């Protein structure tokens, strides 16, 4: 008798059906995990730009501005006196995120002392969120003394350092 190796069509259909069900169950969790990582990455990029602007203002002994791009897909750091761009970053993946600033301000200027310029409308808060349900939100605060901090608006426990 001749022995055949392999599997039947019925076995193949059963395995593919099980894989499809498993993928359908896992997809929402994977989408949320990817979304959370994009939110965290965008918020960290904004903090990096803000810190770089503050550092450059102190290093150059001249005012330096940080601005969110109009399309909200990135940011720029510029020397105020000449308008020269010192640093820029952006990511097309930010198009899946909602990046909003408090009030109408889209930029902040750091003085040579490292402090935020007190005059005019200055960027003080940026919120990064995702359109994916149940994903995290991050808020970046820029305080008058030049302190830049990221927090999680969902954290409510008073002793938790992630709280806003």
Foldseek 3Di string as FASTA:
>chain_A
DDDDDDDDPVVVVVVVVVVVVVCVVCVLVVVQVVQQVVQVVLVVQLVVQLVVQLVCQQVVQAKKKKFQDPVNFWIFIAGVVPRDTPDIDGDPVLVQKDKDFPDDAGMWIAGNVSFTDPDDDHTAKIKIGGPRPPHWIKMWGQDRRNDIDIATCVDDDPVDPRHD
